[in-house]
Structure formats: structure tokens, C-alpha cells
Amino acid sequence: MKKRKEVVETKLKARNPWAEAWRSLRRNGMAMTGMVILILFILCAIFADVIAPYPMDLQNDQHLLESPSAQHIFGTDEYGRDIFSRIVYGSRISLTVGFIAVVFSVITGGLCGATAGYFGGKLDNVIMRFMDILLAVPSILLAIAIVNILGSNLVNVMIAVGISSIPTYARVVRASVISVRDQEFVESAVAIGDSVPSIILRNIIPNCLAPIIVQATLGVAWAILSCSGLSFLGLGLQPPSPEWGAMLSSGRQYIYDSVWMTIFPGGAIVLLVLSLNVFGDGLRDAFDPKLKK
């Protein structure tokens, strides 16, 4: 009876790590707040056609540079366009760039890092030295150079932001792979004759997901900032696109007389990036056993 009780207690303690991480995340009020704000932005992007009271490019000469009111809660810009509607539609652009750029960099950097970490030796040196070269160039400068070469449009911005983030994920994945490649379950897969791609994709990568997810969450915030920065400099999406950085750039000349043209797009960037950073920090705390009580 005593042994049976010990077995039951052992099973209760052996919790699913993902379920344990979710329980830890739920106890983090800041992380949950960030997640709620992020979900709201995602819903705005999905249902922009329903939420926005006006088309994003509708011009009205009767309401130029109008301050916030009941009719236009965020005011209007120099062409009489509703700023709230443009911010709602702009969430689609920012989140699309953020998520697709991160997915691209995670897949590319993850494969490079997994290959380098699993095989080691000269291949590891070649791959990681190339990543070091990319890291030696500031990410935003690398993105600017790529956009200048490829041209200013949505696809090229995502490619530029994604390429500049590849080294970060390659290093994260490589470190995780090195920590698990000598585990018994990997040796068992080798012993039964599994191919190298199968071992990496089925046995190693799933056990490295936690740090990748955390880094990817923080990477989306950086990608959104990079996209806004490129557009602000005139190298990203161009007007009349409702991209938040482009809206900030066009509102600079009216900052003294029509400050709402910069406050609301800038506030949207700050709120979205802050929610992603807070949520990412919460995920890091939930997945890192050293930070658990």
C-alpha cells in the first residue's frame, strides 16, 4: 500500500513540462496581460474590415487634420483619412511582417544551427563563422542594405528582416542541439538506423522548442520595430500604405499642430512591442527551470 502511494505521488510530480509551463505562465500577471493585448491586436488584424469605421485610404477634404472627435476618435491626417482605421489596418502589415519574417528566420537559422550542432567539427566551424560575419553587421544596417538591393515592398522587407535575424536563431538552436545530441533517446534513434534528417527533425528539434519559442516571441517584436524603422526612413512600405512607421514619418511635419498623427501610430508600435516583450519574458520564466520556484 505504501509503495502504491509513492508511485501515485511520483506520477503526480512527473507533470507534462508544457502543462507546467502554462501553469507558471498563468501565475505571471504581466505575461498574461501582454498575451491579452497581443491577442487583441491579432483580432484587430483579422477583423480589420469589421472594426475599422472607414476604408483605410478614404480621403475627405472636409476633415483635413481634424483633431480626435466622436466621428474620428484618433483624428484625421493631412488627406482627411481616419487615423484609427489606418492603425487597425496597419496591424495586419506589422503582424504579417513580424510573424512571417520570424518563421523564415527560425526555419533557416534553425536548420543551420541544428546541422552545425549535430555534426560539429569543420562543418560547425564553417556555418558558425558565416553566422558570426552576419552578426558583425548591425541587424538594422543589414536589413537596410538588403532592402536597397531588392527594392521597397512588403515581401522584400520581410526577407530583409528575416535574413538579419537568422544568426540569432542559428546560435540558439545550435546550443540546444549540443545539449541534447548525446542523450540516450538520440543514441537509440541512431542505433535503429534512423536517417540524420529524421533524427534532427523528430528527436532533437522537438526537445529544443522551448528556447526557440521564447526567442521567436521576442524576435517578432524586433521584426515589427525593424519594419517600422525601415518605413520611417523611407526604405520600407511606401504611402499610402497604412504601415505604422510610414504614418509616423508622414506625421513628422505636423507634429506641433497635429500631434495625434504621431502619438497614435507611435503608441500602437510601443503597445504591441511591449506586449510581445512582456509575454516573451513570461515564456522565458515559465520554460527556464532555474527561474521556477
C-alpha atoms as a PDB file:
ATOM      1  CA  MET A   1       0.000   0.000   0.000  1.00  0.00           C
ATOM      2  CA  LYS A   2       2.844   2.333   0.876  1.00  0.00           C
ATOM      3  CA  LYS A   3       4.619   1.577  -2.393  1.00  0.00           C
ATOM      4  CA  ARG A   4       1.429   2.209  -4.351  1.00  0.00           C
ATOM      5  CA  LYS A   5       1.051   5.597  -2.668  1.00  0.00           C
ATOM      6  CA  GLU A   6       4.637   6.501  -3.552  1.00  0.00           C
ATOM      7  CA  VAL A   7       4.045   5.530  -7.188  1.00  0.00           C
ATOM      8  CA  VAL A   8       0.928   7.732  -7.349  1.00  0.00           C
ATOM      9  CA  GLU A   9       2.813  10.679  -5.827  1.00  0.00           C
ATOM     10  CA  THR A  10       5.651  10.172  -8.293  1.00  0.00           C
ATOM     11  CA  LYS A  11       3.220  10.245 -11.219  1.00  0.00           C
ATOM     12  CA  LEU A  12       1.629  13.416  -9.926  1.00  0.00           C
ATOM     13  CA  LYS A  13       5.026  15.092  -9.699  1.00  0.00           C
ATOM     14  CA  ALA A  14       6.024  13.944 -13.176  1.00  0.00           C
ATOM     15  CA  ARG A  15       3.942  16.585 -14.888  1.00  0.00           C
ATOM     16  CA  ASN A  16       3.914  17.444 -18.529  1.00  0.00           C
ATOM     17  CA  PRO A  17       6.538  20.203 -18.999  1.00  0.00           C
ATOM     18  CA  TRP A  18       4.251  22.129 -21.370  1.00  0.00           C
ATOM     19  CA  ALA A  19       1.375  21.988 -18.896  1.00  0.00           C
ATOM     20  CA  GLU A  20       3.732  23.041 -16.123  1.00  0.00           C
ATOM     21  CA  ALA A  21       4.954  25.973 -18.224  1.00  0.00           C
ATOM     22  CA  TRP A  22       1.341  27.050 -18.849  1.00  0.00           C
ATOM     23  CA  ARG A  23       0.579  26.906 -15.126  1.00  0.00           C
ATOM     24  CA  SER A  24       3.652  29.012 -14.417  1.00  0.00           C
ATOM     25  CA  LEU A  25       2.694  31.467 -17.169  1.00  0.00           C
ATOM     26  CA  ARG A  26      -0.824  31.885 -15.774  1.00  0.00           C
ATOM     27  CA  ARG A  27       0.611  32.956 -12.436  1.00  0.00           C
ATOM     28  CA  ASN A  28       2.540  35.750 -14.156  1.00  0.00           C
ATOM     29  CA  GLY A  29       0.148  38.694 -14.319  1.00  0.00           C
ATOM     30  CA  MET A  30       2.361  40.822 -16.575  1.00  0.00           C
ATOM     31  CA  ALA A  31       2.843  37.993 -19.072  1.00  0.00           C
ATOM     32  CA  MET A  32      -0.887  37.288 -19.202  1.00  0.00           C
ATOM     33  CA  THR A  33      -1.602  40.995 -19.735  1.00  0.00           C
ATOM     34  CA  GLY A  34       0.874  41.029 -22.609  1.00  0.00           C
ATOM     35  CA  MET A  35      -0.755  37.933 -24.097  1.00  0.00           C
ATOM     36  CA  VAL A  36      -4.227  39.511 -23.902  1.00  0.00           C
ATOM     37  CA  ILE A  37      -3.004  42.706 -25.611  1.00  0.00           C
ATOM     38  CA  LEU A  38      -1.287  40.628 -28.300  1.00  0.00           C
ATOM     39  CA  ILE A  39      -4.494  38.649 -28.900  1.00  0.00           C
ATOM     40  CA  LEU A  40      -6.435  41.914 -29.236  1.00  0.00           C
ATOM     41  CA  PHE A  41      -4.005  43.153 -31.887  1.00  0.00           C
ATOM     42  CA  ILE A  42      -4.299  39.837 -33.731  1.00  0.00           C
ATOM     43  CA  LEU A  43      -8.096  40.085 -33.659  1.00  0.00           C
ATOM     44  CA  CYS A  44      -7.853  43.653 -34.980  1.00  0.00           C
ATOM     45  CA  ALA A  45      -5.700  42.434 -37.849  1.00  0.00           C
ATOM     46  CA  ILE A  46      -8.064  39.562 -38.681  1.00  0.00           C
ATOM     47  CA  PHE A  47     -11.295  41.573 -38.423  1.00  0.00           C
ATOM     48  CA  ALA A  48      -9.964  44.937 -39.624  1.00  0.00           C
ATOM     49  CA  ASP A  49     -12.725  45.191 -42.242  1.00  0.00           C
ATOM     50  CA  VAL A  50     -15.317  44.940 -39.470  1.00  0.00           C
ATOM     51  CA  ILE A  51     -13.592  47.039 -36.788  1.00  0.00           C
ATOM     52  CA  ALA A  52     -12.407  49.967 -38.914  1.00  0.00           C
ATOM     53  CA  PRO A  53     -15.212  52.549 -39.329  1.00  0.00           C
ATOM     54  CA  TYR A  54     -13.778  53.836 -42.645  1.00  0.00           C
ATOM     55  CA  PRO A  55     -11.736  52.438 -45.529  1.00  0.00           C
ATOM     56  CA  MET A  56      -8.038  52.913 -44.845  1.00  0.00           C
ATOM     57  CA  ASP A  57      -7.476  55.089 -47.951  1.00  0.00           C
ATOM     58  CA  LEU A  58     -10.717  57.103 -47.925  1.00  0.00           C
ATOM     59  CA  GLN A  59      -9.863  60.792 -48.316  1.00  0.00           C
ATOM     60  CA  ASN A  60     -12.151  63.605 -47.173  1.00  0.00           C
ATOM     61  CA  ASP A  61     -11.281  67.212 -47.973  1.00  0.00           C
ATOM     62  CA  GLN A  62     -13.808  68.408 -45.393  1.00  0.00           C
ATOM     63  CA  HIS A  63     -11.917  66.836 -42.464  1.00  0.00           C
ATOM     64  CA  LEU A  64      -8.232  67.620 -43.050  1.00  0.00           C
ATOM     65  CA  LEU A  65      -6.046  67.398 -39.912  1.00  0.00           C
ATOM     66  CA  GLU A  66      -9.106  67.115 -37.692  1.00  0.00           C
ATOM     67  CA  SER A  67      -8.413  66.514 -34.000  1.00  0.00           C
ATOM     68  CA  PRO A  68      -9.863  63.438 -32.226  1.00  0.00           C
ATOM     69  CA  SER A  69     -13.641  63.568 -32.010  1.00  0.00           C
ATOM     70  CA  ALA A  70     -16.669  61.299 -31.817  1.00  0.00           C
ATOM     71  CA  GLN A  71     -16.614  60.938 -35.602  1.00  0.00           C
ATOM     72  CA  HIS A  72     -12.865  60.287 -35.821  1.00  0.00           C
ATOM     73  CA  ILE A  73     -11.673  59.012 -32.442  1.00  0.00           C
ATOM     74  CA  PHE A  74      -7.975  59.243 -33.389  1.00  0.00           C
ATOM     75  CA  GLY A  75      -8.398  62.283 -35.640  1.00  0.00           C
ATOM     76  CA  THR A  76      -7.548  62.543 -39.332  1.00  0.00           C
ATOM     77  CA  ASP A  77      -4.352  63.074 -41.323  1.00  0.00           C
ATOM     78  CA  GLU A  78      -3.391  65.637 -43.944  1.00  0.00           C
ATOM     79  CA  TYR A  79      -5.635  63.937 -46.529  1.00  0.00           C
ATOM     80  CA  GLY A  80      -8.641  63.603 -44.238  1.00  0.00           C
ATOM     81  CA  ARG A  81      -8.126  59.863 -43.753  1.00  0.00           C
ATOM     82  CA  ASP A  82      -9.287  58.337 -40.480  1.00  0.00           C
ATOM     83  CA  ILE A  83      -6.201  57.536 -38.382  1.00  0.00           C
ATOM     84  CA  PHE A  84      -7.931  54.883 -36.264  1.00  0.00           C
ATOM     85  CA  SER A  85      -8.934  52.937 -39.383  1.00  0.00           C
ATOM     86  CA  ARG A  86      -5.407  53.172 -40.753  1.00  0.00           C
ATOM     87  CA  ILE A  87      -3.925  51.936 -37.480  1.00  0.00           C
ATOM     88  CA  VAL A  88      -6.327  48.980 -37.438  1.00  0.00           C
ATOM     89  CA  TYR A  89      -5.399  48.034 -40.999  1.00  0.00           C
ATOM     90  CA  GLY A  90      -1.746  48.718 -40.205  1.00  0.00           C
ATOM     91  CA  SER A  91      -1.821  45.981 -37.562  1.00  0.00           C
ATOM     92  CA  ARG A  92      -2.181  43.495 -40.418  1.00  0.00           C
ATOM     93  CA  ILE A  93       1.032  44.712 -42.009  1.00  0.00           C
ATOM     94  CA  SER A  94       3.052  44.813 -38.775  1.00  0.00           C
ATOM     95  CA  LEU A  95       1.938  41.384 -37.570  1.00  0.00           C
ATOM     96  CA  THR A  96       2.335  39.848 -41.022  1.00  0.00           C
ATOM     97  CA  VAL A  97       5.885  41.146 -41.336  1.00  0.00           C
ATOM     98  CA  GLY A  98       6.693  40.132 -37.762  1.00  0.00           C
ATOM     99  CA  PHE A  99       5.383  36.583 -37.926  1.00  0.00           C
ATOM    100  CA  ILE A 100       6.454  35.681 -41.475  1.00  0.00           C
ATOM    101  CA  ALA A 101       9.939  37.159 -41.023  1.00  0.00           C
ATOM    102  CA  VAL A 102      10.391  35.216 -37.790  1.00  0.00           C
ATOM    103  CA  VAL A 103       9.083  31.971 -39.330  1.00  0.00           C
ATOM    104  CA  PHE A 104      11.556  32.393 -42.200  1.00  0.00           C
ATOM    105  CA  SER A 105      14.482  33.109 -39.880  1.00  0.00           C
ATOM    106  CA  VAL A 106      13.523  30.308 -37.448  1.00  0.00           C
ATOM    107  CA  ILE A 107      13.363  27.702 -40.222  1.00  0.00           C
ATOM    108  CA  THR A 108      16.544  28.833 -41.962  1.00  0.00           C
ATOM    109  CA  GLY A 109      18.534  29.601 -38.822  1.00  0.00           C
ATOM    110  CA  GLY A 110      17.165  26.521 -37.073  1.00  0.00           C
ATOM    111  CA  LEU A 111      18.279  24.182 -39.838  1.00  0.00           C
ATOM    112  CA  CYS A 112      21.727  25.789 -39.950  1.00  0.00           C
ATOM    113  CA  GLY A 113      22.089  25.664 -36.166  1.00  0.00           C
ATOM    114  CA  ALA A 114      20.815  22.081 -35.921  1.00  0.00           C
ATOM    115  CA  THR A 115      23.186  20.921 -38.647  1.00  0.00           C
ATOM    116  CA  ALA A 116      26.150  22.672 -37.050  1.00  0.00           C
ATOM    117  CA  GLY A 117      25.337  21.425 -33.566  1.00  0.00           C
ATOM    118  CA  TYR A 118      24.683  17.813 -34.593  1.00  0.00           C
ATOM    119  CA  PHE A 119      27.692  17.229 -36.848  1.00  0.00           C
ATOM    120  CA  GLY A 120      30.202  19.568 -35.192  1.00  0.00           C
ATOM    121  CA  GLY A 121      33.753  19.691 -36.479  1.00  0.00           C
ATOM    122  CA  LYS A 122      34.628  21.587 -39.653  1.00  0.00           C
ATOM    123  CA  LEU A 123      31.017  21.920 -40.772  1.00  0.00           C
ATOM    124  CA  ASP A 124      30.162  23.552 -37.458  1.00  0.00           C
ATOM    125  CA  ASN A 125      33.074  25.981 -37.855  1.00  0.00           C
ATOM    126  CA  VAL A 126      32.107  26.920 -41.416  1.00  0.00           C
ATOM    127  CA  ILE A 127      28.422  27.529 -40.610  1.00  0.00           C
ATOM    128  CA  MET A 128      29.002  29.416 -37.372  1.00  0.00           C
ATOM    129  CA  ARG A 129      31.803  31.569 -38.765  1.00  0.00           C
ATOM    130  CA  PHE A 130      29.423  32.654 -41.521  1.00  0.00           C
ATOM    131  CA  MET A 131      26.851  33.461 -38.850  1.00  0.00           C
ATOM    132  CA  ASP A 132      29.499  35.450 -36.968  1.00  0.00           C
ATOM    133  CA  ILE A 133      30.100  37.500 -40.110  1.00  0.00           C
ATOM    134  CA  LEU A 134      26.380  38.304 -40.316  1.00  0.00           C
ATOM    135  CA  LEU A 135      26.339  39.152 -36.610  1.00  0.00           C
ATOM    136  CA  ALA A 136      29.264  41.539 -37.090  1.00  0.00           C
ATOM    137  CA  VAL A 137      26.973  43.758 -39.181  1.00  0.00           C
ATOM    138  CA  PRO A 138      24.290  45.596 -37.165  1.00  0.00           C
ATOM    139  CA  SER A 139      20.946  43.986 -37.944  1.00  0.00           C
ATOM    140  CA  ILE A 140      19.214  47.182 -38.993  1.00  0.00           C
ATOM    141  CA  LEU A 141      22.089  48.107 -41.324  1.00  0.00           C
ATOM    142  CA  LEU A 142      21.980  44.647 -42.867  1.00  0.00           C
ATOM    143  CA  ALA A 143      18.217  44.995 -43.374  1.00  0.00           C
ATOM    144  CA  ILE A 144      18.691  48.452 -44.948  1.00  0.00           C
ATOM    145  CA  ALA A 145      21.311  47.065 -47.346  1.00  0.00           C
ATOM    146  CA  ILE A 146      19.083  44.150 -48.377  1.00  0.00           C
ATOM    147  CA  VAL A 147      16.061  46.411 -48.946  1.00  0.00           C
ATOM    148  CA  ASN A 148      18.192  48.787 -51.040  1.00  0.00           C
ATOM    149  CA  ILE A 149      19.298  45.861 -53.202  1.00  0.00           C
ATOM    150  CA  LEU A 150      15.902  44.150 -53.543  1.00  0.00           C
ATOM    151  CA  GLY A 151      13.608  47.182 -53.509  1.00  0.00           C
ATOM    152  CA  SER A 152      10.981  48.602 -51.149  1.00  0.00           C
ATOM    153  CA  ASN A 153       7.913  46.380 -50.875  1.00  0.00           C
ATOM    154  CA  LEU A 154       6.281  44.111 -48.318  1.00  0.00           C
ATOM    155  CA  VAL A 155       7.923  40.873 -49.466  1.00  0.00           C
ATOM    156  CA  ASN A 156      11.407  42.376 -49.609  1.00  0.00           C
ATOM    157  CA  VAL A 157      11.004  43.923 -46.152  1.00  0.00           C
ATOM    158  CA  MET A 158      10.078  40.512 -44.729  1.00  0.00           C
ATOM    159  CA  ILE A 159      13.063  38.916 -46.468  1.00  0.00           C
ATOM    160  CA  ALA A 160      15.423  41.614 -45.212  1.00  0.00           C
ATOM    161  CA  VAL A 161      14.201  41.392 -41.617  1.00  0.00           C
ATOM    162  CA  GLY A 162      14.223  37.600 -41.749  1.00  0.00           C
ATOM    163  CA  ILE A 163      17.785  37.324 -43.094  1.00  0.00           C
ATOM    164  CA  SER A 164      19.107  39.746 -40.479  1.00  0.00           C
ATOM    165  CA  SER A 165      17.640  37.527 -37.718  1.00  0.00           C
ATOM    166  CA  ILE A 166      18.971  34.170 -38.957  1.00  0.00           C
ATOM    167  CA  PRO A 167      22.245  34.186 -36.919  1.00  0.00           C
ATOM    168  CA  THR A 168      20.371  34.631 -33.632  1.00  0.00           C
ATOM    169  CA  TYR A 169      18.239  31.530 -34.139  1.00  0.00           C
ATOM    170  CA  ALA A 170      21.154  29.539 -35.505  1.00  0.00           C
ATOM    171  CA  ARG A 171      23.110  30.133 -32.296  1.00  0.00           C
ATOM    172  CA  VAL A 172      20.120  29.357 -30.053  1.00  0.00           C
ATOM    173  CA  VAL A 173      19.313  26.110 -31.867  1.00  0.00           C
ATOM    174  CA  ARG A 174      22.968  25.042 -32.050  1.00  0.00           C
ATOM    175  CA  ALA A 175      23.387  25.434 -28.296  1.00  0.00           C
ATOM    176  CA  SER A 176      20.188  23.469 -27.644  1.00  0.00           C
ATOM    177  CA  VAL A 177      21.171  20.689 -30.057  1.00  0.00           C
ATOM    178  CA  ILE A 178      24.595  20.300 -28.457  1.00  0.00           C
ATOM    179  CA  SER A 179      22.908  19.879 -25.073  1.00  0.00           C
ATOM    180  CA  VAL A 180      20.671  17.004 -26.254  1.00  0.00           C
ATOM    181  CA  ARG A 181      22.575  15.248 -29.069  1.00  0.00           C
ATOM    182  CA  ASP A 182      24.322  12.867 -26.649  1.00  0.00           C
ATOM    183  CA  GLN A 183      21.131  11.898 -24.808  1.00  0.00           C
ATOM    184  CA  GLU A 184      20.043   8.260 -24.781  1.00  0.00           C
ATOM    185  CA  PHE A 185      16.965   8.759 -26.985  1.00  0.00           C
ATOM    186  CA  VAL A 186      19.173  10.213 -29.735  1.00  0.00           C
ATOM    187  CA  GLU A 187      21.629   7.313 -29.451  1.00  0.00           C
ATOM    188  CA  SER A 188      18.690   4.901 -29.657  1.00  0.00           C
ATOM    189  CA  ALA A 189      17.493   6.541 -32.873  1.00  0.00           C
ATOM    190  CA  VAL A 190      20.999   6.213 -34.324  1.00  0.00           C
ATOM    191  CA  ALA A 191      21.188   2.576 -33.239  1.00  0.00           C
ATOM    192  CA  ILE A 192      17.962   1.584 -35.019  1.00  0.00           C
ATOM    193  CA  GLY A 193      19.201   3.183 -38.238  1.00  0.00           C
ATOM    194  CA  ASP A 194      17.164   6.403 -38.483  1.00  0.00           C
ATOM    195  CA  SER A 195      18.451   8.870 -41.044  1.00  0.00           C
ATOM    196  CA  VAL A 196      20.151  12.056 -39.913  1.00  0.00           C
ATOM    197  CA  PRO A 197      17.314  14.361 -41.100  1.00  0.00           C
ATOM    198  CA  SER A 198      14.809  12.163 -39.265  1.00  0.00           C
ATOM    199  CA  ILE A 199      16.870  12.245 -36.063  1.00  0.00           C
ATOM    200  CA  ILE A 200      17.194  16.015 -36.202  1.00  0.00           C
ATOM    201  CA  LEU A 201      13.539  16.700 -37.043  1.00  0.00           C
ATOM    202  CA  ARG A 202      11.878  14.020 -34.884  1.00  0.00           C
ATOM    203  CA  ASN A 203      14.190  13.601 -31.913  1.00  0.00           C
ATOM    204  CA  ILE A 204      16.317  16.708 -31.472  1.00  0.00           C
ATOM    205  CA  ILE A 205      14.275  19.717 -32.625  1.00  0.00           C
ATOM    206  CA  PRO A 206      11.160  18.864 -30.533  1.00  0.00           C
ATOM    207  CA  ASN A 207      13.357  18.869 -27.429  1.00  0.00           C
ATOM    208  CA  CYS A 208      14.739  22.295 -28.334  1.00  0.00           C
ATOM    209  CA  LEU A 209      11.415  24.043 -28.883  1.00  0.00           C
ATOM    210  CA  ALA A 210      11.221  25.908 -25.570  1.00  0.00           C
ATOM    211  CA  PRO A 211      14.157  28.328 -26.153  1.00  0.00           C
ATOM    212  CA  ILE A 212      13.158  28.682 -29.814  1.00  0.00           C
ATOM    213  CA  ILE A 213       9.604  29.718 -28.896  1.00  0.00           C
ATOM    214  CA  VAL A 214      10.865  32.256 -26.375  1.00  0.00           C
ATOM    215  CA  GLN A 215      13.371  33.742 -28.812  1.00  0.00           C
ATOM    216  CA  ALA A 216      10.797  33.793 -31.612  1.00  0.00           C
ATOM    217  CA  THR A 217       8.308  35.713 -29.447  1.00  0.00           C
ATOM    218  CA  LEU A 218      10.920  38.357 -28.719  1.00  0.00           C
ATOM    219  CA  GLY A 219      12.014  38.237 -32.371  1.00  0.00           C
ATOM    220  CA  VAL A 220       8.539  39.221 -33.592  1.00  0.00           C
ATOM    221  CA  ALA A 221       8.824  42.430 -31.556  1.00  0.00           C
ATOM    222  CA  TRP A 222      12.217  43.191 -33.105  1.00  0.00           C
ATOM    223  CA  ALA A 223      10.878  42.440 -36.596  1.00  0.00           C
ATOM    224  CA  ILE A 224       7.975  44.865 -36.102  1.00  0.00           C
ATOM    225  CA  LEU A 225      10.357  47.562 -34.900  1.00  0.00           C
ATOM    226  CA  SER A 226      12.657  46.941 -37.862  1.00  0.00           C
ATOM    227  CA  CYS A 227       9.781  47.157 -40.332  1.00  0.00           C
ATOM    228  CA  SER A 228       8.590  50.410 -38.744  1.00  0.00           C
ATOM    229  CA  GLY A 229      12.119  51.796 -38.747  1.00  0.00           C
ATOM    230  CA  LEU A 230      12.656  50.976 -42.415  1.00  0.00           C
ATOM    231  CA  SER A 231       9.329  52.559 -43.348  1.00  0.00           C
ATOM    232  CA  PHE A 232      10.099  55.619 -41.229  1.00  0.00           C
ATOM    233  CA  LEU A 233      13.353  56.063 -43.163  1.00  0.00           C
ATOM    234  CA  GLY A 234      11.529  55.690 -46.467  1.00  0.00           C
ATOM    235  CA  LEU A 235      13.041  52.275 -47.219  1.00  0.00           C
ATOM    236  CA  GLY A 236      10.102  50.083 -46.233  1.00  0.00           C
ATOM    237  CA  LEU A 237       6.478  50.239 -47.267  1.00  0.00           C
ATOM    238  CA  GLN A 238       5.590  53.470 -49.000  1.00  0.00           C
ATOM    239  CA  PRO A 239       2.499  55.696 -48.659  1.00  0.00           C
ATOM    240  CA  PRO A 240      -0.439  55.320 -48.938  1.00  0.00           C
ATOM    241  CA  SER A 241       0.220  52.031 -47.125  1.00  0.00           C
ATOM    242  CA  PRO A 242      -1.070  52.299 -43.528  1.00  0.00           C
ATOM    243  CA  GLU A 243       2.189  50.948 -42.069  1.00  0.00           C
ATOM    244  CA  TRP A 244       2.770  52.497 -38.638  1.00  0.00           C
ATOM    245  CA  GLY A 245       6.347  53.612 -39.349  1.00  0.00           C
ATOM    246  CA  ALA A 246       5.274  55.274 -42.595  1.00  0.00           C
ATOM    247  CA  MET A 247       2.442  57.004 -40.718  1.00  0.00           C
ATOM    248  CA  LEU A 248       4.961  58.322 -38.197  1.00  0.00           C
ATOM    249  CA  SER A 249       7.182  59.579 -40.991  1.00  0.00           C
ATOM    250  CA  SER A 250       4.360  61.446 -42.726  1.00  0.00           C
ATOM    251  CA  GLY A 251       3.223  62.950 -39.412  1.00  0.00           C
ATOM    252  CA  ARG A 252       6.618  64.461 -38.531  1.00  0.00           C
ATOM    253  CA  GLN A 253       5.953  67.740 -40.312  1.00  0.00           C
ATOM    254  CA  TYR A 254       2.661  68.172 -38.441  1.00  0.00           C
ATOM    255  CA  ILE A 255       3.937  67.182 -35.001  1.00  0.00           C
ATOM    256  CA  TYR A 256       3.436  70.642 -33.465  1.00  0.00           C
ATOM    257  CA  ASP A 257      -0.009  71.411 -34.845  1.00  0.00           C
ATOM    258  CA  SER A 258      -1.460  67.872 -35.234  1.00  0.00           C
ATOM    259  CA  VAL A 259       0.360  65.799 -32.662  1.00  0.00           C
ATOM    260  CA  TRP A 260      -2.210  62.986 -32.844  1.00  0.00           C
ATOM    261  CA  MET A 261      -0.751  61.994 -36.215  1.00  0.00           C
ATOM    262  CA  THR A 262       2.364  60.739 -34.429  1.00  0.00           C
ATOM    263  CA  ILE A 263       1.036  59.865 -30.958  1.00  0.00           C
ATOM    264  CA  PHE A 264      -1.397  57.151 -32.051  1.00  0.00           C
ATOM    265  CA  PRO A 265       0.793  55.278 -34.575  1.00  0.00           C
ATOM    266  CA  GLY A 266       3.739  55.533 -32.182  1.00  0.00           C
ATOM    267  CA  GLY A 267       1.558  54.362 -29.296  1.00  0.00           C
ATOM    268  CA  ALA A 268       0.420  51.344 -31.334  1.00  0.00           C
ATOM    269  CA  ILE A 269       4.046  50.369 -32.001  1.00  0.00           C
ATOM    270  CA  VAL A 270       5.006  50.785 -28.347  1.00  0.00           C
ATOM    271  CA  LEU A 271       1.991  48.849 -27.057  1.00  0.00           C
ATOM    272  CA  LEU A 272       2.411  45.919 -29.450  1.00  0.00           C
ATOM    273  CA  VAL A 273       6.169  45.623 -28.946  1.00  0.00           C
ATOM    274  CA  LEU A 274       5.810  45.976 -25.173  1.00  0.00           C
ATOM    275  CA  SER A 275       3.163  43.237 -25.065  1.00  0.00           C
ATOM    276  CA  LEU A 276       5.409  40.906 -27.072  1.00  0.00           C
ATOM    277  CA  ASN A 277       8.428  41.609 -24.852  1.00  0.00           C
ATOM    278  CA  VAL A 278       6.463  41.102 -21.638  1.00  0.00           C
ATOM    279  CA  PHE A 279       4.887  37.919 -22.985  1.00  0.00           C
ATOM    280  CA  GLY A 280       8.278  36.677 -24.170  1.00  0.00           C
ATOM    281  CA  ASP A 281       9.818  37.334 -20.753  1.00  0.00           C
ATOM    282  CA  GLY A 282       6.966  35.389 -19.181  1.00  0.00           C
ATOM    283  CA  LEU A 283       7.568  32.462 -21.523  1.00  0.00           C
ATOM    284  CA  ARG A 284      11.270  32.522 -20.669  1.00  0.00           C
ATOM    285  CA  ASP A 285      10.479  32.407 -16.954  1.00  0.00           C
ATOM    286  CA  ALA A 286       7.956  29.598 -17.498  1.00  0.00           C
ATOM    287  CA  PHE A 287      10.276  27.401 -19.558  1.00  0.00           C
ATOM    288  CA  ASP A 288      13.503  28.030 -17.631  1.00  0.00           C
ATOM    289  CA  PRO A 289      13.666  25.612 -14.674  1.00  0.00           C
ATOM    290  CA  LYS A 290      16.256  27.798 -12.946  1.00  0.00           C
ATOM    291  CA  LEU A 291      13.691  30.591 -12.627  1.00  0.00           C
ATOM    292  CA  LYS A 292      10.914  28.392 -11.267  1.00  0.00           C
ATOM    293  CA  LYS A 293      10.233  28.403  -7.559  1.00  0.00           C
END
